[in-house]
Structures are given as structure tokens and as C-alpha cells.
Amino acid sequence: MHGIVTVLAEPHHGWVEALWRELKQRYGVGRPEATSVPHFSYHVAAEYDMVRLKAVLAETAVTTPPFTVRTTGIGIFPGELPVLYIPVARSPQLQALHTALWPRLQAVAQGSLDYYAPQNWFPHITLGHNDITPDQLGPIVTWLNGQSLAWDVQVTNLTLLHDTGGRHVALHRTELT
């Protein structure tokens, strides 16, 4: 899978990696920081037309100045293996960026995941998935509740990540100007 994301800048990049390490150490869950990149996603698809995608990202970047979003709290996507995340508030700037990107990305993508569509999109920074059981949620959420997760995060880039199934690899990055 491929995704169009914002990779977190420091210090938030390091803070997420530290949370991943603590989750692994304390509870034996979470992806090791080497396999993932701290980010939040706008669009995910099986394939993109790379030439057209790079043009979309470049055109968007020159019309979108960097801006700040707010995170706070803990979220859970329920399921047999729940997903833990930090919610990213939909500011007017973030909503405008996603609304502008979505149709343009759809036009250059194949096999898009519908839960990133504007009506379904819930921006978030994933803390753990695929290995957390419902029985582990209580202790993990209790621990996370004691962490400072209210952050002002700078949105400075649009990055194409490729999830190889083992790690996330940045294939292309465009800085917002």
C-alpha cells in the first residue's frame, strides 16, 4: 500500500517514537519505531501514477503554507485487534487541505481505501495496531492517560509512504511553501 501523509517533524516525531518504545517495553505491543514513520494520512491506495502524483503534490505544496494542527487525547478504533491513536483535530486549514487533495489524489490512484474519503476521514497518529487485544486496552489506556498528548504539530510536508508490510519507506516528499 501507498499513502499520502504528513510526516511529523521534531519534537513530535521523537515523542511518537518514544511512545512506541514504551508500549513495546511495558506491554509487548506496538510496531518497533524502525518499521514505521510517525505520521498522519490523507489518502491511501494500492497504486499511484507517480508522474501525475508528484505534480499534484508539487501544485498543492506551492499553494499551501505550513500550518499547525492540535492533537489531544487517546482514541480507539474498536475491533478484534483494536487500533490505538492520538486524534488530530480537523482545523479549517487541515480540512481545506484534505478537501482539495482528495479528488486530485483519487484521479491518480488505483485501489483507494474509502475510509480516508472526506466523509469518513478521521485524522490520527497511530500508536498501536494489529497486536493489541481488548484485554490489554485498560492498562494501556490508563498509562497513555498519564502522558502529555496535547500537542501543536506543524504540518510542513506531503510525503508518499510505501508500506512494504514490514516497514514504511518514504518515496517522495514535498515541502509546503
Protein backbone atom coordinates (compact mmCIF):
# COMPACT_ATOMS: atom_id res chain seq x y z
CA MET A 1 0.00 0.00 0.00
CA HIS A 2 0.96 3.61 -0.54
CA GLY A 3 -0.18 6.65 1.40
CA ILE A 4 -0.06 10.41 1.15
CA VAL A 5 0.80 11.64 4.63
CA THR A 6 2.36 14.36 6.69
CA VAL A 7 5.47 13.04 8.43
CA LEU A 8 5.76 14.60 11.86
CA ALA A 9 8.63 16.99 12.50
CA GLU A 10 10.62 17.13 15.70
CA PRO A 11 9.93 17.12 18.56
CA HIS A 12 6.69 15.22 17.82
CA HIS A 13 8.44 12.65 15.63
CA GLY A 14 10.65 11.69 18.57
CA TRP A 15 7.78 11.77 21.04
CA VAL A 16 5.79 9.25 18.99
CA GLU A 17 8.84 7.01 18.64
CA ALA A 18 9.32 7.19 22.44
CA LEU A 19 5.68 6.19 22.98
CA TRP A 20 6.15 3.24 20.60
CA ARG A 21 9.23 2.11 22.51
CA GLU A 22 7.42 2.39 25.86
CA LEU A 23 4.40 0.46 24.57
CA LYS A 24 6.72 -2.28 23.34
CA GLN A 25 8.71 -2.34 26.58
CA ARG A 26 5.78 -2.11 29.03
CA TYR A 27 3.13 -4.14 27.20
CA GLY A 28 4.89 -6.00 24.39
CA VAL A 29 2.74 -4.28 21.76
CA GLY A 30 3.22 -1.75 19.01
CA ARG A 31 5.38 -1.63 15.97
CA PRO A 32 9.07 -1.06 16.55
CA GLU A 33 9.90 2.50 15.57
CA ALA A 34 12.26 1.29 12.84
CA THR A 35 9.36 -0.12 10.79
CA SER A 36 7.10 2.90 10.86
CA VAL A 37 7.30 6.64 10.40
CA PRO A 38 5.34 8.95 12.75
CA HIS A 39 2.67 10.49 10.52
CA PHE A 40 -0.98 11.06 9.81
CA SER A 41 -2.60 10.16 6.49
CA TYR A 42 -4.75 11.91 3.89
CA HIS A 43 -5.14 9.18 1.28
CA VAL A 44 -4.15 5.52 0.94
CA ALA A 45 -4.18 3.46 -2.24
CA ALA A 46 -2.68 0.34 -3.76
CA GLU A 47 -1.04 2.30 -6.58
CA TYR A 48 -0.49 5.85 -7.83
CA ASP A 49 0.52 7.17 -11.22
CA MET A 50 3.82 8.54 -9.93
CA VAL A 51 4.32 11.27 -12.54
CA ARG A 52 0.84 12.68 -12.04
CA LEU A 53 1.05 12.22 -8.25
CA LYS A 54 4.25 14.24 -7.97
CA ALA A 55 2.61 17.03 -9.98
CA VAL A 56 -0.41 17.05 -7.65
CA LEU A 57 1.82 17.21 -4.58
CA ALA A 58 4.01 19.98 -6.04
CA GLU A 59 1.00 22.07 -7.10
CA THR A 60 -0.62 21.64 -3.68
CA ALA A 61 2.58 22.48 -1.83
CA VAL A 62 3.08 25.83 -3.55
CA THR A 63 -0.47 26.91 -2.69
CA THR A 64 -0.47 25.64 0.90
CA PRO A 65 1.64 27.38 3.52
CA PRO A 66 2.75 25.38 6.57
CA PHE A 67 0.21 25.44 9.40
CA THR A 68 -0.37 24.00 12.86
CA VAL A 69 -2.83 21.32 13.98
CA ARG A 70 -3.71 20.28 17.51
CA THR A 71 -3.68 16.79 18.97
CA THR A 72 -5.13 15.68 22.24
CA GLY A 73 -6.39 12.59 23.97
CA ILE A 74 -6.49 8.94 23.07
CA GLY A 75 -8.68 7.24 20.51
CA ILE A 76 -9.59 3.64 19.83
CA PHE A 77 -10.83 2.12 16.60
CA PRO A 78 -12.62 -0.96 18.01
CA GLY A 79 -12.28 -4.46 16.65
CA GLU A 80 -10.84 -7.86 17.36
CA LEU A 81 -7.44 -6.14 17.39
CA PRO A 82 -8.16 -2.51 18.35
CA VAL A 83 -6.15 0.41 17.00
CA LEU A 84 -4.88 3.00 19.49
CA TYR A 85 -4.20 6.51 18.24
CA ILE A 86 -3.81 10.18 19.05
CA PRO A 87 -6.62 12.19 17.38
CA VAL A 88 -5.65 15.14 15.18
CA ALA A 89 -8.25 17.93 15.33
CA ARG A 90 -9.72 18.97 11.98
CA SER A 91 -8.73 22.62 11.84
CA PRO A 92 -10.07 24.75 8.96
CA GLN A 93 -6.64 24.59 7.27
CA LEU A 94 -6.37 20.81 7.64
CA GLN A 95 -9.91 20.31 6.37
CA ALA A 96 -9.24 22.59 3.39
CA LEU A 97 -6.05 20.71 2.52
CA HIS A 98 -7.75 17.32 2.68
CA THR A 99 -10.78 18.53 0.73
CA ALA A 100 -8.52 19.91 -2.02
CA LEU A 101 -6.26 16.83 -2.11
CA TRP A 102 -8.83 14.05 -2.08
CA PRO A 103 -10.34 14.37 -5.59
CA ARG A 104 -6.95 15.08 -7.15
CA LEU A 105 -5.42 12.03 -5.47
CA GLN A 106 -8.38 9.88 -6.46
CA ALA A 107 -7.74 10.83 -10.09
CA VAL A 108 -4.17 9.45 -9.95
CA ALA A 109 -4.83 6.42 -7.72
CA GLN A 110 -5.98 2.84 -8.09
CA GLY A 111 -7.42 0.84 -5.21
CA SER A 112 -8.08 3.71 -2.78
CA LEU A 113 -9.25 2.98 0.74
CA ASP A 114 -12.64 4.60 1.29
CA TYR A 115 -12.14 5.32 4.99
CA TYR A 116 -9.87 8.23 4.01
CA ALA A 117 -12.65 9.81 1.90
CA PRO A 118 -13.73 13.24 3.21
CA GLN A 119 -16.97 11.97 4.75
CA ASN A 120 -15.13 9.15 6.58
CA TRP A 121 -11.72 10.67 7.28
CA PHE A 122 -10.59 10.80 10.89
CA PRO A 123 -7.03 12.15 11.02
CA HIS A 124 -4.91 10.39 13.62
CA ILE A 125 -1.41 9.34 14.65
CA THR A 126 -1.34 5.58 15.16
CA LEU A 127 0.21 4.34 18.38
CA GLY A 128 -0.56 0.64 18.07
CA HIS A 129 -2.42 -1.81 15.88
CA ASN A 130 -2.55 -5.46 14.81
CA ASP A 131 -1.21 -6.78 18.11
CA ILE A 132 -3.27 -5.15 20.87
CA THR A 133 -6.03 -7.29 22.35
CA PRO A 134 -9.16 -5.93 24.04
CA ASP A 135 -7.84 -7.26 27.38
CA GLN A 136 -4.74 -5.07 27.09
CA LEU A 137 -6.68 -1.87 26.39
CA GLY A 138 -7.43 -0.95 30.01
CA PRO A 139 -3.84 -0.95 31.27
CA ILE A 140 -2.50 0.68 28.10
CA VAL A 141 -5.13 3.43 28.07
CA THR A 142 -4.52 4.06 31.78
CA TRP A 143 -0.81 4.51 31.09
CA LEU A 144 -1.41 6.68 28.00
CA ASN A 145 -3.82 8.83 30.01
CA GLY A 146 -0.84 9.91 32.11
CA GLN A 147 1.16 11.04 29.06
CA SER A 148 1.12 14.53 27.61
CA LEU A 149 -0.62 14.15 24.26
CA ALA A 150 -1.88 17.72 23.74
CA TRP A 151 0.49 18.93 21.05
CA ASP A 152 0.67 21.72 18.48
CA VAL A 153 2.01 19.89 15.43
CA GLN A 154 3.47 21.66 12.41
CA VAL A 155 2.17 20.48 9.02
CA THR A 156 5.12 21.13 6.73
CA ASN A 157 5.12 18.35 4.14
CA LEU A 158 3.22 15.96 1.93
CA THR A 159 5.02 12.64 1.75
CA LEU A 160 4.40 9.48 -0.24
CA LEU A 161 4.97 6.50 2.04
CA HIS A 162 5.11 2.93 0.85
CA ASP A 163 4.16 0.25 3.36
CA THR A 164 6.08 -2.83 2.33
CA GLY A 165 4.35 -4.91 5.00
CA GLY A 166 7.48 -4.72 7.11
CA ARG A 167 8.41 -1.07 7.08
CA HIS A 168 7.30 2.32 5.82
CA VAL A 169 9.59 3.85 3.22
CA ALA A 170 9.36 7.49 2.13
CA LEU A 171 9.40 7.51 -1.68
CA HIS A 172 8.80 11.22 -2.27
CA ARG A 173 8.49 14.30 -0.06
CA THR A 174 7.25 17.77 -0.94
CA GLU A 175 7.64 20.67 1.48
CA LEU A 176 4.74 23.09 1.89
CA THR A 177 5.66 26.64 0.94
